[in-house]
C-alpha atoms as a PDB file:
ATOM      1  CA  MET A   1      -0.081  -0.067   0.041  1.00  0.00           C
ATOM      2  CA  GLY A   2       2.820   2.348   0.747  1.00  0.00           C
ATOM      3  CA  VAL A   3       2.083   6.133   1.451  1.00  0.00           C
ATOM      4  CA  PHE A   4      -1.288   5.784  -0.561  1.00  0.00           C
ATOM      5  CA  VAL A   5      -2.862   4.383   2.683  1.00  0.00           C
ATOM      6  CA  PHE A   6      -2.659   7.820   4.134  1.00  0.00           C
ATOM      7  CA  LEU A   7      -4.343   9.503   1.232  1.00  0.00           C
ATOM      8  CA  PRO A   8      -7.846   9.578   2.825  1.00  0.00           C
ATOM      9  CA  LEU A   9      -6.481  11.437   5.817  1.00  0.00           C
ATOM     10  CA  VAL A  10      -5.279  14.412   3.775  1.00  0.00           C
ATOM     11  CA  LEU A  11      -7.560  14.490   0.695  1.00  0.00           C
ATOM     12  CA  PRO A  12     -10.318  16.411   2.533  1.00  0.00           C
ATOM     13  CA  LEU A  13      -8.103  19.462   1.895  1.00  0.00           C
ATOM     14  CA  THR A  14      -9.219  19.255  -1.819  1.00  0.00           C
ATOM     15  CA  ALA A  15     -12.764  20.104  -0.662  1.00  0.00           C
ATOM     16  CA  TRP A  16     -11.932  23.463   0.883  1.00  0.00           C
ATOM     17  CA  PRO A  17     -12.141  25.499  -2.257  1.00  0.00           C
ATOM     18  CA  VAL A  18     -15.649  24.127  -3.159  1.00  0.00           C
ATOM     19  CA  ALA A  19     -16.810  24.777   0.396  1.00  0.00           C
ATOM     20  CA  ARG A  20     -16.211  28.355  -0.122  1.00  0.00           C
ATOM     21  CA  LEU A  21     -17.429  28.649  -3.585  1.00  0.00           C
ATOM     22  CA  ALA A  22     -20.510  26.555  -3.150  1.00  0.00           C
ATOM     23  CA  GLU A  23     -21.707  29.091  -0.509  1.00  0.00           C
ATOM     24  CA  GLN A  24     -21.492  31.917  -3.026  1.00  0.00           C
ATOM     25  CA  ARG A  25     -22.335  30.383  -6.437  1.00  0.00           C
ATOM     26  CA  LEU A  26     -24.479  27.274  -6.017  1.00  0.00           C
ATOM     27  CA  HIS A  27     -28.146  27.155  -5.082  1.00  0.00           C
ATOM     28  CA  PRO A  28     -28.317  26.514  -1.269  1.00  0.00           C
ATOM     29  CA  ARG A  29     -30.127  23.210  -1.841  1.00  0.00           C
ATOM     30  CA  THR A  30     -27.483  21.858  -4.278  1.00  0.00           C
ATOM     31  CA  ALA A  31     -24.649  23.114  -2.067  1.00  0.00           C
ATOM     32  CA  THR A  32     -25.961  21.532   1.037  1.00  0.00           C
ATOM     33  CA  ARG A  33     -26.436  18.104  -0.523  1.00  0.00           C
ATOM     34  CA  LEU A  34     -23.060  18.247  -2.498  1.00  0.00           C
ATOM     35  CA  LEU A  35     -20.980  19.409   0.562  1.00  0.00           C
ATOM     36  CA  THR A  36     -22.769  16.852   2.884  1.00  0.00           C
ATOM     37  CA  ALA A  37     -22.272  13.894   0.496  1.00  0.00           C
ATOM     38  CA  VAL A  38     -18.399  14.900   0.131  1.00  0.00           C
ATOM     39  CA  ALA A  39     -17.827  15.359   3.875  1.00  0.00           C
ATOM     40  CA  ALA A  40     -19.554  11.982   4.707  1.00  0.00           C
ATOM     41  CA  VAL A  41     -17.701  10.099   2.166  1.00  0.00           C
ATOM     42  CA  MET A  42     -14.246  11.560   3.068  1.00  0.00           C
ATOM     43  CA  ALA A  43     -14.924  11.078   6.778  1.00  0.00           C
ATOM     44  CA  LEU A  44     -15.759   7.442   6.323  1.00  0.00           C
ATOM     45  CA  CYS A  45     -12.685   6.830   4.205  1.00  0.00           C
ATOM     46  CA  SER A  46     -10.439   8.557   6.676  1.00  0.00           C
ATOM     47  CA  THR A  47     -11.919   6.462   9.498  1.00  0.00           C
ATOM     48  CA  VAL A  48     -11.285   3.232   7.482  1.00  0.00           C
ATOM     49  CA  CYS A  49      -7.706   4.554   7.017  1.00  0.00           C
ATOM     50  CA  LEU A  50      -7.219   4.892  10.716  1.00  0.00           C
ATOM     51  CA  ALA A  51      -8.603   1.491  11.363  1.00  0.00           C
ATOM     52  CA  LEU A  52      -6.293  -0.098   8.965  1.00  0.00           C
ATOM     53  CA  VAL A  53      -3.286   1.419  10.477  1.00  0.00           C
ATOM     54  CA  MET A  54      -4.556   0.727  13.848  1.00  0.00           C
ATOM     55  CA  VAL A  55      -4.619  -3.080  13.195  1.00  0.00           C
ATOM     56  CA  VAL A  56      -0.932  -2.952  12.418  1.00  0.00           C
ATOM     57  CA  GLY A  57      -0.145  -0.910  15.501  1.00  0.00           C
ATOM     58  CA  THR A  58      -2.289  -3.117  17.851  1.00  0.00           C
ATOM     59  CA  ALA A  59      -0.635  -6.266  16.391  1.00  0.00           C
ATOM     60  CA  GLN A  60       2.791  -4.985  17.751  1.00  0.00           C
ATOM     61  CA  LEU A  61       1.639  -4.537  21.282  1.00  0.00           C
ATOM     62  CA  PRO A  62       2.597  -7.191  23.724  1.00  0.00           C
ATOM     63  CA  GLY A  63      -0.322  -9.363  24.977  1.00  0.00           C
ATOM     64  CA  ASN A  64      -2.685  -8.216  22.199  1.00  0.00           C
ATOM     65  CA  PRO A  65      -5.412 -10.786  21.282  1.00  0.00           C
ATOM     66  CA  LEU A  66      -4.541 -10.681  17.559  1.00  0.00           C
ATOM     67  CA  PRO A  67      -2.895 -13.504  15.719  1.00  0.00           C
ATOM     68  CA  ASP A  68       0.884 -13.476  15.930  1.00  0.00           C
ATOM     69  CA  GLY A  69       1.281 -13.615  12.340  1.00  0.00           C
ATOM     70  CA  TRP A  70      -0.296 -10.069  12.078  1.00  0.00           C
ATOM     71  CA  SER A  71       2.845  -8.552  13.513  1.00  0.00           C
ATOM     72  CA  ASP A  72       5.188 -10.176  11.009  1.00  0.00           C
ATOM     73  CA  PRO A  73       7.652  -7.889   9.176  1.00  0.00           C
ATOM     74  CA  GLU A  74       5.614  -8.586   5.827  1.00  0.00           C
ATOM     75  CA  VAL A  75       2.422  -7.146   7.465  1.00  0.00           C
ATOM     76  CA  ARG A  76       4.255  -4.125   8.921  1.00  0.00           C
ATOM     77  CA  ALA A  77       5.890  -3.304   5.688  1.00  0.00           C
ATOM     78  CA  ALA A  78       2.567  -2.560   4.165  1.00  0.00           C
ATOM     79  CA  VAL A  79       2.395   0.695   6.389  1.00  0.00           C
ATOM     80  CA  PRO A  80       5.193   3.227   6.236  1.00  0.00           C
ATOM     81  CA  TYR A  81       6.604   4.152   9.667  1.00  0.00           C
ATOM     82  CA  ASP A  82       4.539   1.508  11.103  1.00  0.00           C
ATOM     83  CA  GLU A  83       6.014   1.577  14.564  1.00  0.00           C
ATOM     84  CA  VAL A  84       5.046   5.174  14.970  1.00  0.00           C
ATOM     85  CA  VAL A  85       1.883   5.661  12.966  1.00  0.00           C
ATOM     86  CA  GLY A  86       0.502   2.270  13.874  1.00  0.00           C
ATOM     87  CA  LYS A  87       0.592   2.930  17.522  1.00  0.00           C
ATOM     88  CA  ALA A  88      -0.497   6.659  17.132  1.00  0.00           C
ATOM     89  CA  ALA A  89      -3.528   5.391  15.142  1.00  0.00           C
ATOM     90  CA  ILE A  90      -4.916   3.544  18.283  1.00  0.00           C
ATOM     91  CA  PRO A  91      -5.725   6.532  20.448  1.00  0.00           C
ATOM     92  CA  ALA A  92      -6.591   8.684  17.291  1.00  0.00           C
ATOM     93  CA  LEU A  93      -9.332   6.181  16.306  1.00  0.00           C
ATOM     94  CA  CYS A  94     -10.514   5.856  19.919  1.00  0.00           C
ATOM     95  CA  ALA A  95     -10.940   9.584  20.060  1.00  0.00           C
ATOM     96  CA  VAL A  96     -12.853   9.643  16.861  1.00  0.00           C
ATOM     97  CA  LEU A  97     -15.221   7.042  18.105  1.00  0.00           C
ATOM     98  CA  LEU A  98     -15.603   8.622  21.539  1.00  0.00           C
ATOM     99  CA  VAL A  99     -16.203  12.118  20.410  1.00  0.00           C
ATOM    100  CA  SER A 100     -18.670  10.809  17.569  1.00  0.00           C
ATOM    101  CA  ALA A 101     -20.557   8.785  20.159  1.00  0.00           C
ATOM    102  CA  ARG A 102     -20.705  11.700  22.536  1.00  0.00           C
ATOM    103  CA  ALA A 103     -22.043  13.867  19.803  1.00  0.00           C
ATOM    104  CA  LEU A 104     -24.865  11.336  18.818  1.00  0.00           C
ATOM    105  CA  TRP A 105     -25.739  10.988  22.472  1.00  0.00           C
ATOM    106  CA  ARG A 106     -25.942  14.669  23.037  1.00  0.00           C
ATOM    107  CA  HIS A 107     -27.988  15.261  19.920  1.00  0.00           C
ATOM    108  CA  GLY A 108     -30.486  12.444  21.042  1.00  0.00           C
ATOM    109  CA  ARG A 109     -30.645  13.724  24.653  1.00  0.00           C
ATOM    110  CA  VAL A 110     -31.608  17.312  23.539  1.00  0.00           C
ATOM    111  CA  ARG A 111     -34.282  15.881  21.288  1.00  0.00           C
ATOM    112  CA  ARG A 112     -35.764  13.566  23.822  1.00  0.00           C
ATOM    113  CA  ARG A 113     -35.691  16.364  26.592  1.00  0.00           C
ATOM    114  CA  ALA A 114     -37.404  18.779  24.159  1.00  0.00           C
ATOM    115  CA  HIS A 115     -40.105  16.363  23.264  1.00  0.00           C
ATOM    116  CA  ARG A 116     -40.766  15.630  26.885  1.00  0.00           C
ATOM    117  CA  ALA A 117     -41.091  19.271  27.757  1.00  0.00           C
ATOM    118  CA  LEU A 118     -43.484  19.647  25.022  1.00  0.00           C
ATOM    119  CA  ALA A 119     -45.519  16.512  25.962  1.00  0.00           C
ATOM    120  CA  GLY A 120     -48.382  18.471  27.734  1.00  0.00           C
ATOM    121  CA  LEU A 121     -48.977  20.779  24.875  1.00  0.00           C
ATOM    122  CA  ARG A 122     -51.473  20.247  22.184  1.00  0.00           C
ATOM    123  CA  GLY A 123     -50.221  18.139  19.500  1.00  0.00           C
ATOM    124  CA  THR A 124     -50.054  20.671  16.696  1.00  0.00           C
ATOM    125  CA  GLY A 125     -47.123  21.483  14.428  1.00  0.00           C
ATOM    126  CA  VAL A 126     -46.298  24.697  16.387  1.00  0.00           C
ATOM    127  CA  ALA A 127     -45.420  24.997  19.991  1.00  0.00           C
ATOM    128  CA  VAL A 128     -45.494  28.409  21.403  1.00  0.00           C
ATOM    129  CA  LEU A 129     -43.788  28.667  24.901  1.00  0.00           C
ATOM    130  CA  PRO A 130     -44.556  31.503  27.374  1.00  0.00           C
ATOM    131  CA  ASP A 131     -40.794  32.121  27.909  1.00  0.00           C
ATOM    132  CA  GLU A 132     -39.026  35.557  28.358  1.00  0.00           C
ATOM    133  CA  VAL A 133     -36.007  34.243  26.467  1.00  0.00           C
ATOM    134  CA  PRO A 134     -36.366  34.791  22.668  1.00  0.00           C
ATOM    135  CA  TYR A 135     -35.669  31.692  20.584  1.00  0.00           C
ATOM    136  CA  ALA A 136     -36.999  29.498  17.886  1.00  0.00           C
ATOM    137  CA  TYR A 137     -35.953  26.177  16.289  1.00  0.00           C
ATOM    138  CA  ALA A 138     -37.182  23.246  14.293  1.00  0.00           C
ATOM    139  CA  LEU A 139     -37.594  20.050  16.424  1.00  0.00           C
ATOM    140  CA  PRO A 140     -37.648  16.857  14.319  1.00  0.00           C
ATOM    141  CA  GLY A 141     -39.542  13.902  15.566  1.00  0.00           C
ATOM    142  CA  GLY A 142     -41.044  11.956  12.652  1.00  0.00           C
ATOM    143  CA  ASP A 143     -44.678  12.350  13.299  1.00  0.00           C
ATOM    144  CA  ARG A 144     -44.078  14.591  15.989  1.00  0.00           C
ATOM    145  CA  ASP A 145     -42.232  17.333  13.920  1.00  0.00           C
ATOM    146  CA  ARG A 146     -42.692  20.790  15.747  1.00  0.00           C
ATOM    147  CA  VAL A 147     -41.709  24.392  15.348  1.00  0.00           C
ATOM    148  CA  VAL A 148     -40.663  25.591  18.841  1.00  0.00           C
ATOM    149  CA  VAL A 149     -40.873  29.392  19.531  1.00  0.00           C
ATOM    150  CA  THR A 150     -41.257  31.589  22.493  1.00  0.00           C
ATOM    151  CA  THR A 151     -43.594  34.472  22.988  1.00  0.00           C
ATOM    152  CA  ALA A 152     -40.651  36.696  23.613  1.00  0.00           C
ATOM    153  CA  LEU A 153     -39.504  36.212  20.149  1.00  0.00           C
ATOM    154  CA  LEU A 154     -42.936  36.525  18.573  1.00  0.00           C
ATOM    155  CA  ASP A 155     -43.489  39.885  20.340  1.00  0.00           C
ATOM    156  CA  CYS A 156     -40.437  41.212  18.505  1.00  0.00           C
ATOM    157  CA  LEU A 157     -41.765  40.451  15.096  1.00  0.00           C
ATOM    158  CA  GLU A 158     -44.463  41.937  12.934  1.00  0.00           C
ATOM    159  CA  PRO A 159     -47.120  39.520  11.655  1.00  0.00           C
ATOM    160  CA  ALA A 160     -45.596  39.045   8.181  1.00  0.00           C
ATOM    161  CA  GLU A 161     -42.238  38.355   9.847  1.00  0.00           C
ATOM    162  CA  ARG A 162     -43.893  35.837  12.025  1.00  0.00           C
ATOM    163  CA  ARG A 163     -45.184  34.108   8.899  1.00  0.00           C
ATOM    164  CA  ALA A 164     -41.577  34.143   7.633  1.00  0.00           C
ATOM    165  CA  LEU A 165     -40.295  32.601  10.810  1.00  0.00           C
ATOM    166  CA  PHE A 166     -42.750  29.680  10.751  1.00  0.00           C
ATOM    167  CA  ALA A 167     -42.169  29.188   7.085  1.00  0.00           C
ATOM    168  CA  HIS A 168     -38.435  29.004   7.629  1.00  0.00           C
ATOM    169  CA  GLU A 169     -38.697  26.529  10.389  1.00  0.00           C
ATOM    170  CA  ARG A 170     -41.078  24.382   8.465  1.00  0.00           C
ATOM    171  CA  ALA A 171     -38.652  24.359   5.460  1.00  0.00           C
ATOM    172  CA  HIS A 172     -35.996  22.911   7.961  1.00  0.00           C
ATOM    173  CA  LEU A 173     -38.370  20.058   9.023  1.00  0.00           C
ATOM    174  CA  ALA A 174     -39.615  19.364   5.404  1.00  0.00           C
ATOM    175  CA  ALA A 175     -36.052  18.959   4.056  1.00  0.00           C
ATOM    176  CA  ARG A 176     -34.749  17.292   7.175  1.00  0.00           C
ATOM    177  CA  HIS A 177     -31.953  19.605   7.692  1.00  0.00           C
ATOM    178  CA  HIS A 178     -30.945  18.237  10.967  1.00  0.00           C
ATOM    179  CA  ARG A 179     -29.667  15.179   9.206  1.00  0.00           C
ATOM    180  CA  PHE A 180     -27.327  17.172   7.030  1.00  0.00           C
ATOM    181  CA  LEU A 181     -26.171  19.178  10.003  1.00  0.00           C
ATOM    182  CA  LEU A 182     -25.555  15.895  12.110  1.00  0.00           C
ATOM    183  CA  ALA A 183     -23.693  14.205   9.244  1.00  0.00           C
ATOM    184  CA  VAL A 184     -21.189  17.168   8.753  1.00  0.00           C
ATOM    185  CA  ARG A 185     -20.727  17.503  12.399  1.00  0.00           C
ATOM    186  CA  LEU A 186     -19.833  13.775  12.652  1.00  0.00           C
ATOM    187  CA  ALA A 187     -17.642  14.136   9.530  1.00  0.00           C
ATOM    188  CA  ALA A 188     -15.715  17.096  11.103  1.00  0.00           C
ATOM    189  CA  LEU A 189     -15.203  15.131  14.352  1.00  0.00           C
ATOM    190  CA  ALA A 190     -13.757  12.227  12.258  1.00  0.00           C
ATOM    191  CA  ASN A 191     -11.352  14.434  10.368  1.00  0.00           C
ATOM    192  CA  PRO A 192     -10.558  18.149  11.478  1.00  0.00           C
ATOM    193  CA  PHE A 193      -9.777  18.924   7.708  1.00  0.00           C
ATOM    194  CA  LEU A 194     -13.615  18.620   7.170  1.00  0.00           C
ATOM    195  CA  ARG A 195     -14.528  21.459   9.500  1.00  0.00           C
ATOM    196  CA  PRO A 196     -14.786  24.121   6.693  1.00  0.00           C
ATOM    197  CA  LEU A 197     -17.339  22.023   5.064  1.00  0.00           C
ATOM    198  CA  ARG A 198     -19.358  21.745   8.280  1.00  0.00           C
ATOM    199  CA  THR A 199     -19.197  25.591   8.568  1.00  0.00           C
ATOM    200  CA  ALA A 200     -20.528  25.897   4.848  1.00  0.00           C
ATOM    201  CA  VAL A 201     -23.301  23.322   5.414  1.00  0.00           C
ATOM    202  CA  SER A 202     -24.506  25.164   8.418  1.00  0.00           C
ATOM    203  CA  TYR A 203     -24.605  28.274   6.267  1.00  0.00           C
ATOM    204  CA  THR A 204     -26.209  26.767   3.119  1.00  0.00           C
ATOM    205  CA  ALA A 205     -28.858  24.839   5.011  1.00  0.00           C
ATOM    206  CA  GLU A 206     -30.106  28.284   6.633  1.00  0.00           C
ATOM    207  CA  ARG A 207     -29.977  29.777   3.145  1.00  0.00           C
ATOM    208  CA  TRP A 208     -32.009  26.845   1.806  1.00  0.00           C
ATOM    209  CA  ALA A 209     -34.649  27.504   4.427  1.00  0.00           C
ATOM    210  CA  ASP A 210     -34.415  31.338   3.753  1.00  0.00           C
ATOM    211  CA  GLU A 211     -35.322  30.826   0.128  1.00  0.00           C
ATOM    212  CA  GLU A 212     -38.154  28.468   0.924  1.00  0.00           C
ATOM    213  CA  ALA A 213     -39.594  31.008   3.388  1.00  0.00           C
ATOM    214  CA  ALA A 214     -39.257  33.712   0.743  1.00  0.00           C
ATOM    215  CA  LYS A 215     -41.273  31.630  -1.722  1.00  0.00           C
ATOM    216  CA  VAL A 216     -43.976  31.074   0.915  1.00  0.00           C
ATOM    217  CA  VAL A 217     -44.204  34.656   2.056  1.00  0.00           C
ATOM    218  CA  GLY A 218     -43.704  36.170  -1.288  1.00  0.00           C
ATOM    219  CA  ASP A 219     -41.481  39.017  -0.034  1.00  0.00           C
ATOM    220  CA  ARG A 220     -37.774  38.372   0.275  1.00  0.00           C
ATOM    221  CA  ARG A 221     -37.317  41.756   2.114  1.00  0.00           C
ATOM    222  CA  VAL A 222     -39.815  40.431   4.993  1.00  0.00           C
ATOM    223  CA  VAL A 223     -37.657  37.334   5.429  1.00  0.00           C
ATOM    224  CA  ALA A 224     -34.455  39.335   5.605  1.00  0.00           C
ATOM    225  CA  THR A 225     -35.954  41.617   8.186  1.00  0.00           C
ATOM    226  CA  ALA A 226     -37.304  38.728  10.248  1.00  0.00           C
ATOM    227  CA  ILE A 227     -33.738  37.076  10.296  1.00  0.00           C
ATOM    228  CA  GLY A 228     -32.083  40.394  11.206  1.00  0.00           C
ATOM    229  CA  LYS A 229     -34.424  41.017  14.161  1.00  0.00           C
ATOM    230  CA  ALA A 230     -34.293  37.412  15.371  1.00  0.00           C
ATOM    231  CA  ALA A 231     -30.489  37.400  15.166  1.00  0.00           C
ATOM    232  CA  LEU A 232     -30.369  40.516  17.396  1.00  0.00           C
ATOM    233  CA  VAL A 233     -32.416  39.175  20.199  1.00  0.00           C
ATOM    234  CA  SER A 234     -32.350  35.399  19.844  1.00  0.00           C
ATOM    235  CA  ARG A 235     -29.944  32.842  21.773  1.00  0.00           C
ATOM    236  CA  GLY A 236     -30.064  30.481  18.819  1.00  0.00           C
ATOM    237  CA  THR A 237     -30.665  26.713  19.037  1.00  0.00           C
ATOM    238  CA  PRO A 238     -30.103  24.243  21.932  1.00  0.00           C
ATOM    239  CA  VAL A 239     -27.666  22.121  19.955  1.00  0.00           C
ATOM    240  CA  ALA A 240     -25.714  22.688  16.745  1.00  0.00           C
ATOM    241  CA  THR A 241     -27.494  19.885  14.849  1.00  0.00           C
ATOM    242  CA  LEU A 242     -30.941  21.538  15.232  1.00  0.00           C
ATOM    243  CA  ALA A 243     -31.803  24.248  12.829  1.00  0.00           C
ATOM    244  CA  GLY A 244     -33.314  27.648  13.540  1.00  0.00           C
ATOM    245  CA  LEU A 245     -34.004  31.089  11.997  1.00  0.00           C
ATOM    246  CA  ALA A 246     -31.374  32.822  14.021  1.00  0.00           C
ATOM    247  CA  ALA A 247     -28.758  29.974  14.074  1.00  0.00           C
ATOM    248  CA  PRO A 248     -25.135  31.267  14.721  1.00  0.00           C
ATOM    249  CA  GLY A 249     -23.312  32.147  11.450  1.00  0.00           C
ATOM    250  CA  PRO A 250     -22.926  34.809   8.859  1.00  0.00           C
ATOM    251  CA  VAL A 251     -26.296  36.547   9.341  1.00  0.00           C
ATOM    252  CA  PRO A 252     -25.347  39.590   7.259  1.00  0.00           C
ATOM    253  CA  ARG A 253     -24.540  37.529   4.302  1.00  0.00           C
ATOM    254  CA  ARG A 254     -27.853  35.754   4.572  1.00  0.00           C
ATOM    255  CA  VAL A 255     -29.674  39.081   4.715  1.00  0.00           C
ATOM    256  CA  ALA A 256     -27.736  40.493   1.806  1.00  0.00           C
ATOM    257  CA  ALA A 257     -28.537  37.371  -0.246  1.00  0.00           C
ATOM    258  CA  LEU A 258     -32.294  37.739   0.432  1.00  0.00           C
ATOM    259  CA  LEU A 259     -32.107  41.434  -0.576  1.00  0.00           C
ATOM    260  CA  GLY A 260     -30.771  40.377  -4.043  1.00  0.00           C
ATOM    261  CA  PRO A 261     -32.345  38.125  -6.700  1.00  0.00           C
ATOM    262  CA  ALA A 262     -33.268  34.588  -6.067  1.00  0.00           C
ATOM    263  CA  PRO A 263     -30.454  32.180  -6.868  1.00  0.00           C
ATOM    264  CA  ALA A 264     -30.505  30.183 -10.037  1.00  0.00           C
ATOM    265  CA  VAL A 265     -31.318  26.450  -9.608  1.00  0.00           C
ATOM    266  CA  ARG A 266     -28.517  24.459 -11.117  1.00  0.00           C
ATOM    267  CA  THR A 267     -27.963  20.695 -10.140  1.00  0.00           C
ATOM    268  CA  TRP A 268     -24.247  20.674 -11.165  1.00  0.00           C
ATOM    269  CA  PRO A 269     -22.016  23.588 -12.235  1.00  0.00           C
ATOM    270  CA  SER A 270     -20.163  23.692 -15.517  1.00  0.00           C
ATOM    271  CA  LEU A 271     -16.480  22.645 -15.598  1.00  0.00           C
ATOM    272  CA  PHE A 272     -15.777  25.894 -17.247  1.00  0.00           C
ATOM    273  CA  THR A 273     -16.483  28.094 -14.225  1.00  0.00           C
ATOM    274  CA  SER A 274     -14.502  28.655 -11.040  1.00  0.00           C
ATOM    275  CA  VAL A 275     -17.129  26.944  -8.894  1.00  0.00           C
ATOM    276  CA  GLY A 276     -17.476  24.120 -11.373  1.00  0.00           C
ATOM    277  CA  LEU A 277     -13.844  23.488 -11.450  1.00  0.00           C
ATOM    278  CA  ALA A 278     -13.689  23.534  -7.684  1.00  0.00           C
ATOM    279  CA  ALA A 279     -16.658  21.116  -7.604  1.00  0.00           C
ATOM    280  CA  TRP A 280     -15.032  18.727  -9.914  1.00  0.00           C
ATOM    281  CA  ALA A 281     -11.887  18.944  -8.020  1.00  0.00           C
ATOM    282  CA  ALA A 282     -13.823  18.008  -4.808  1.00  0.00           C
ATOM    283  CA  ALA A 283     -15.451  15.120  -6.633  1.00  0.00           C
ATOM    284  CA  ALA A 284     -12.213  13.893  -7.845  1.00  0.00           C
ATOM    285  CA  GLY A 285     -10.788  14.001  -4.415  1.00  0.00           C
ATOM    286  CA  THR A 286     -13.648  12.214  -2.944  1.00  0.00           C
ATOM    287  CA  ALA A 287     -13.431   9.507  -5.584  1.00  0.00           C
ATOM    288  CA  VAL A 288      -9.692   9.102  -5.080  1.00  0.00           C
ATOM    289  CA  SER A 289     -10.208   8.956  -1.338  1.00  0.00           C
ATOM    290  CA  ALA A 290     -12.865   6.186  -1.715  1.00  0.00           C
ATOM    291  CA  MET A 291     -10.840   4.229  -4.143  1.00  0.00           C
ATOM    292  CA  SER A 292      -7.641   4.547  -1.962  1.00  0.00           C
ATOM    293  CA  SER A 293      -9.624   3.431   1.197  1.00  0.00           C
ATOM    294  CA  ALA A 294     -11.082   0.357  -0.763  1.00  0.00           C
ATOM    295  CA  ASN A 295      -7.870  -0.641  -2.230  1.00  0.00           C
ATOM    296  CA  SER A 296      -6.123  -0.347   1.141  1.00  0.00           C
ATOM    297  CA  ALA A 297      -8.912  -2.404   2.855  1.00  0.00           C
ATOM    298  CA  VAL A 298      -8.702  -5.146   0.326  1.00  0.00           C
ATOM    299  CA  THR A 299      -4.933  -5.104   0.277  1.00  0.00           C
ATOM    300  CA  MET A 300      -4.701  -5.293   4.199  1.00  0.00           C
ATOM    301  CA  PHE A 301      -7.322  -7.995   4.250  1.00  0.00           C
ATOM    302  CA  LEU A 302      -5.376 -10.104   1.776  1.00  0.00           C
ATOM    303  CA  ILE A 303      -2.107  -9.552   3.775  1.00  0.00           C
ATOM    304  CA  LEU A 304      -3.657 -10.385   7.049  1.00  0.00           C
ATOM    305  CA  ARG A 305      -5.368 -13.446   5.694  1.00  0.00           C
ATOM    306  CA  ALA A 306      -2.084 -14.563   4.229  1.00  0.00           C
ATOM    307  CA  ALA A 307      -0.387 -14.002   7.626  1.00  0.00           C
ATOM    308  CA  THR A 308      -3.117 -15.809   9.686  1.00  0.00           C
ATOM    309  CA  PRO A 309      -2.024 -19.422  10.561  1.00  0.00           C
ATOM    310  CA  LEU A 310      -4.364 -22.119   9.524  1.00  0.00           C
END
């Protein structure tokens, strides 16, 4: 395998240009789906890479439960600098699994607590809480999807702006934006090089909901005003994987985008544009990462199988 086994760990760097350009040039829906797919594939590939290297490192530890043949020089030669990177991969992979499990647990805990807190309210799609703290967010729950908003935030908005708020949050629920946000959060935890994609998806998901709200309300300026007011007074959402009108991020950019014309809907950019070139580069990097991980996994499997005593 040689140094190619490490490619999935560094190839996420190829996605950085498209993360920035996708925010600016692609339709938010297209950008969200594209960047989430790229982040998920690259995170999976880098985790597979760590697991393969960890096998070589674990086999060198005294008292390990692996077959003795897995520590033979022929197996260790498959990974460059096996003594160092093999052992370093063990705590690295454990850390990835630990922080990912913690993020999933926290996401589930916040959702469960929120649903329990709303259990006594009427089973409608909107839950208005008599709270002096202004906030609003979309709470997914299958058949129990709800828009949660406080009276403090509603009091800050005009009637048309309230319609924009509800349309925005319903767009989050309809498009299942929490899944995109959770996927890129886990990807960034698996490989820190993917953090720019997480930031980009957090922005494009909000922009996607902004555009859907503008279609429902019929006035882009009203949606922009609602976002600006909510951002000034709201504390955001209870967890990063839930979406809301005033989610942390570049609110001025969202407002400026709404004050301009609606973005053109394009499923995939042309290669002969800057964003198209970056998108194709990111797609190529993702494909190389996937092929490198698959090749390394198959090669390592064959090597370990040959080294396993019958």
